[in-house]
């Protein structure tokens, strides 16, 4: 049984995803479902699922930034904006 899901994303992300799905001859819903299945299945992914290739550029920068356990993105970004516009 299919269930409706509402996601809040930037307009640009949605348009890019729609364009990608069209190129893959796939609906946006099935693209999202395939992705959810991929990330939630771990090593036991279904055979009919497409492999997602991570670009070398992304792999190269992955893990560069190390944040402390007490890091609060919302708070720190708020401070940054406050200082920038004061």
Foldseek 3Di string as FASTA:
>chain_A
DDDDDDDDDDPVVVVVLCVVCVVVVHHSVVVVVLVVQVVVVPPPGDPPRDDDDDDPVCVVCPPVDDDDPPDDVVVVVVVVVVVVVD
